[in-house]
Amino acid sequence: LALGSMLLQQFPSRPAPPLQILRVASPTVMVSERHNQAYKETIKLFEPISRDVAMPDFTADERVSYGAVMPAGDASVQPLQLVHQSAVPLFSAEECAAVVSESESVSVQMGGWTSQRHFNHPTTDIPMARLPCTRKWLNTALHDRIYPFLGSCFEDALPDKRALRVADAFVVKYNASGGQTFLSP
């Protein structure tokens, strides 16, 4: 405090210089997936389900819920379990083999798998738009298995499982021995 007082006496205050606005180059901003043309095309492939359509139920016995729990924050709000796993296979080995087979066949026709579709998390993949058999199968699986499963897992947070939509769909090819074992954050 004494040193500060001495400095003020030796260096009288001057008017502050005018405020200067510094222009700094803005950081690179990644484009949202919503601005990706492939995303805009894929979302058209999966029509919303009418509220009049009955959907099967996926029972609590067919899933395992564990892991992260959202904090309640309010005594009147029930915490939500956010991690779920099916207790039974959602897809058969034959269905998975058919998806892989069509994907490999289409990749040969295309001259290889794509790797430029996603800006934030690049993958080696085939867009669902290129896989007509898989797309037809997935449309049925969404109605019969996937949406009912998600609806049962998040029934307290999701008012109507028919409101779920596919935003983007593609088959990803991972090669663990080639080093691709995860998506970069």
Protein backbone atom coordinates (compact mmCIF):
# COMPACT_ATOMS: atom_id res chain seq x y z
CA LEU A 1 0.00 0.00 0.00
CA ALA A 2 2.84 2.43 0.85
CA LEU A 3 4.66 1.55 -2.38
CA GLY A 4 1.49 2.19 -4.37
CA SER A 5 1.08 5.57 -2.72
CA MET A 6 4.70 6.53 -3.54
CA LEU A 7 4.27 5.49 -7.17
CA LEU A 8 1.14 7.59 -7.48
CA GLN A 9 3.01 10.63 -6.15
CA GLN A 10 5.94 10.14 -8.54
CA PHE A 11 3.81 9.32 -11.57
CA PRO A 12 0.72 11.52 -11.52
CA SER A 13 -2.31 10.03 -13.16
CA ARG A 14 -2.89 10.77 -16.80
CA PRO A 15 -6.10 10.54 -18.69
CA ALA A 16 -6.69 7.04 -19.97
CA PRO A 17 -5.93 6.55 -23.65
CA PRO A 18 -8.97 6.10 -25.86
CA LEU A 19 -10.33 2.56 -25.91
CA GLN A 20 -8.95 0.65 -28.85
CA ILE A 21 -10.74 -2.29 -30.39
CA LEU A 22 -8.33 -5.00 -31.32
CA ARG A 23 -9.29 -7.12 -34.26
CA VAL A 24 -8.23 -10.69 -33.82
CA ALA A 25 -8.61 -13.32 -36.48
CA SER A 26 -11.55 -15.50 -35.54
CA PRO A 27 -10.84 -19.18 -34.97
CA THR A 28 -11.85 -21.68 -37.59
CA VAL A 29 -15.44 -22.72 -37.02
CA MET A 30 -16.52 -26.20 -38.02
CA VAL A 31 -19.71 -26.37 -40.03
CA SER A 32 -22.60 -28.06 -38.28
CA GLU A 33 -23.72 -31.39 -39.69
CA ARG A 34 -27.02 -29.65 -40.45
CA HIS A 35 -25.21 -27.67 -43.12
CA ASN A 36 -23.75 -30.76 -44.72
CA GLN A 37 -25.50 -31.62 -48.00
CA ALA A 38 -25.28 -35.34 -47.25
CA TYR A 39 -27.19 -34.74 -44.01
CA LYS A 40 -29.90 -32.80 -45.83
CA GLU A 41 -30.34 -35.66 -48.29
CA THR A 42 -30.29 -38.47 -45.72
CA ILE A 43 -32.97 -36.95 -43.50
CA LYS A 44 -35.38 -37.14 -46.47
CA LEU A 45 -34.99 -40.93 -46.63
CA PHE A 46 -36.73 -41.54 -43.31
CA GLU A 47 -40.24 -40.19 -43.06
CA PRO A 48 -41.73 -39.42 -39.67
CA ILE A 49 -44.13 -41.98 -38.25
CA SER A 50 -47.75 -40.89 -38.02
CA ARG A 51 -49.16 -40.48 -34.51
CA ASP A 52 -52.01 -42.80 -35.55
CA VAL A 53 -49.68 -45.76 -36.14
CA ALA A 54 -49.44 -48.28 -33.32
CA MET A 55 -45.91 -49.25 -32.36
CA PRO A 56 -44.84 -52.34 -30.46
CA ASP A 57 -43.64 -51.99 -26.88
CA PHE A 58 -40.14 -52.92 -25.79
CA THR A 59 -40.39 -54.24 -22.25
CA ALA A 60 -38.15 -53.36 -19.32
CA ASP A 61 -37.01 -57.01 -19.22
CA GLU A 62 -35.49 -56.55 -22.68
CA ARG A 63 -33.09 -53.81 -21.59
CA VAL A 64 -30.48 -53.11 -18.95
CA SER A 65 -30.21 -49.57 -17.59
CA TYR A 66 -27.11 -48.48 -15.70
CA GLY A 67 -24.37 -45.90 -15.55
CA ALA A 68 -24.82 -42.16 -15.64
CA VAL A 69 -27.85 -40.67 -13.94
CA MET A 70 -28.95 -37.12 -14.65
CA PRO A 71 -29.04 -35.09 -11.41
CA ALA A 72 -32.58 -34.36 -10.32
CA GLY A 73 -31.94 -30.73 -9.35
CA ASP A 74 -35.51 -30.49 -8.15
CA ALA A 75 -37.18 -32.90 -5.73
CA SER A 76 -40.22 -33.09 -8.01
CA VAL A 77 -38.17 -34.31 -11.00
CA GLN A 78 -37.15 -37.95 -11.24
CA PRO A 79 -33.54 -38.54 -12.30
CA LEU A 80 -33.14 -40.15 -15.72
CA GLN A 81 -30.87 -43.05 -16.42
CA LEU A 82 -28.94 -42.15 -19.54
CA VAL A 83 -27.11 -45.39 -20.35
CA HIS A 84 -29.08 -48.37 -21.67
CA GLN A 85 -28.25 -51.65 -23.32
CA SER A 86 -30.55 -54.16 -24.93
CA ALA A 87 -30.71 -57.43 -23.02
CA VAL A 88 -31.62 -59.22 -26.24
CA PRO A 89 -30.09 -58.67 -29.69
CA LEU A 90 -31.85 -55.95 -31.67
CA PHE A 91 -30.59 -57.43 -34.95
CA SER A 92 -29.85 -61.00 -35.98
CA ALA A 93 -26.47 -62.13 -37.25
CA GLU A 94 -28.09 -62.65 -40.66
CA GLU A 95 -29.40 -59.07 -40.76
CA CYS A 96 -25.96 -57.70 -39.85
CA ALA A 97 -24.30 -59.90 -42.49
CA ALA A 98 -26.74 -58.59 -45.13
CA VAL A 99 -25.88 -54.96 -44.24
CA VAL A 100 -22.14 -55.71 -44.43
CA SER A 101 -22.54 -57.58 -47.72
CA GLU A 102 -24.50 -54.78 -49.41
CA SER A 103 -22.07 -52.16 -48.05
CA GLU A 104 -19.01 -54.02 -49.35
CA SER A 105 -20.67 -54.56 -52.74
CA VAL A 106 -21.64 -50.89 -53.08
CA SER A 107 -18.17 -49.75 -51.98
CA VAL A 108 -16.67 -51.71 -54.88
CA GLN A 109 -19.11 -50.03 -57.31
CA MET A 110 -18.22 -46.61 -55.84
CA GLY A 111 -14.48 -47.23 -56.00
CA GLY A 112 -14.15 -47.44 -52.22
CA TRP A 113 -15.69 -46.30 -48.98
CA THR A 114 -16.26 -42.57 -48.39
CA SER A 115 -14.31 -40.67 -45.76
CA GLN A 116 -15.19 -37.00 -46.33
CA ARG A 117 -18.83 -36.82 -45.17
CA HIS A 118 -18.32 -35.69 -41.57
CA PHE A 119 -16.34 -32.62 -40.62
CA ASN A 120 -16.09 -33.15 -36.88
CA HIS A 121 -15.76 -36.93 -36.66
CA PRO A 122 -14.54 -38.40 -39.96
CA THR A 123 -15.38 -42.03 -40.55
CA THR A 124 -14.90 -44.58 -43.29
CA ASP A 125 -18.51 -45.14 -44.31
CA ILE A 126 -21.19 -45.69 -46.94
CA PRO A 127 -24.17 -43.29 -46.91
CA MET A 128 -27.54 -44.99 -46.40
CA ALA A 129 -28.76 -43.32 -49.60
CA ARG A 130 -26.46 -45.71 -51.52
CA LEU A 131 -27.81 -48.83 -49.78
CA PRO A 132 -31.41 -49.46 -50.97
CA CYS A 133 -31.84 -52.89 -49.34
CA THR A 134 -30.35 -51.77 -46.05
CA ARG A 135 -32.44 -48.59 -46.10
CA LYS A 136 -35.65 -50.60 -46.63
CA TRP A 137 -34.67 -52.98 -43.81
CA LEU A 138 -33.76 -50.06 -41.51
CA ASN A 139 -37.10 -48.31 -42.10
CA THR A 140 -38.85 -51.45 -40.85
CA ALA A 141 -36.39 -51.94 -37.96
CA LEU A 142 -36.87 -48.33 -36.85
CA HIS A 143 -40.61 -48.89 -36.46
CA ASP A 144 -40.49 -52.42 -35.04
CA ARG A 145 -37.38 -52.36 -32.84
CA ILE A 146 -35.24 -49.22 -32.64
CA TYR A 147 -37.87 -46.58 -31.82
CA PRO A 148 -39.67 -48.90 -29.36
CA PHE A 149 -36.34 -49.64 -27.64
CA LEU A 150 -35.42 -45.95 -27.38
CA GLY A 151 -38.96 -45.09 -26.31
CA SER A 152 -38.81 -47.60 -23.46
CA CYS A 153 -35.36 -46.42 -22.37
CA PHE A 154 -36.31 -42.76 -22.26
CA GLU A 155 -40.05 -42.95 -21.60
CA ASP A 156 -39.87 -40.30 -18.86
CA ALA A 157 -38.11 -37.81 -21.16
CA LEU A 158 -39.62 -38.74 -24.51
CA PRO A 159 -43.32 -37.95 -24.73
CA ASP A 160 -43.93 -39.99 -27.90
CA LYS A 161 -41.51 -42.43 -29.53
CA ARG A 162 -43.17 -41.69 -32.89
CA ALA A 163 -41.51 -38.25 -32.76
CA LEU A 164 -38.05 -39.80 -33.18
CA ARG A 165 -36.36 -39.16 -36.55
CA VAL A 166 -33.20 -40.32 -38.24
CA ALA A 167 -31.03 -37.29 -38.89
CA ASP A 168 -28.19 -39.08 -40.65
CA ALA A 169 -27.59 -42.73 -41.47
CA PHE A 170 -24.55 -44.54 -42.76
CA VAL A 171 -22.70 -47.80 -42.30
CA VAL A 172 -19.27 -47.33 -40.74
CA LYS A 173 -16.34 -49.61 -41.46
CA TYR A 174 -13.80 -49.92 -38.67
CA ASN A 175 -10.47 -51.64 -38.99
CA ALA A 176 -9.06 -52.15 -35.50
CA SER A 177 -5.89 -53.76 -36.85
CA GLY A 178 -5.46 -50.73 -39.14
CA GLY A 179 -5.61 -48.32 -36.23
CA GLN A 180 -9.18 -46.99 -36.47
CA THR A 181 -10.53 -48.05 -33.09
CA PHE A 182 -12.54 -44.96 -32.11
CA LEU A 183 -13.89 -41.59 -33.25
CA SER A 184 -11.86 -38.54 -32.32
CA PRO A 185 -13.59 -36.25 -29.82
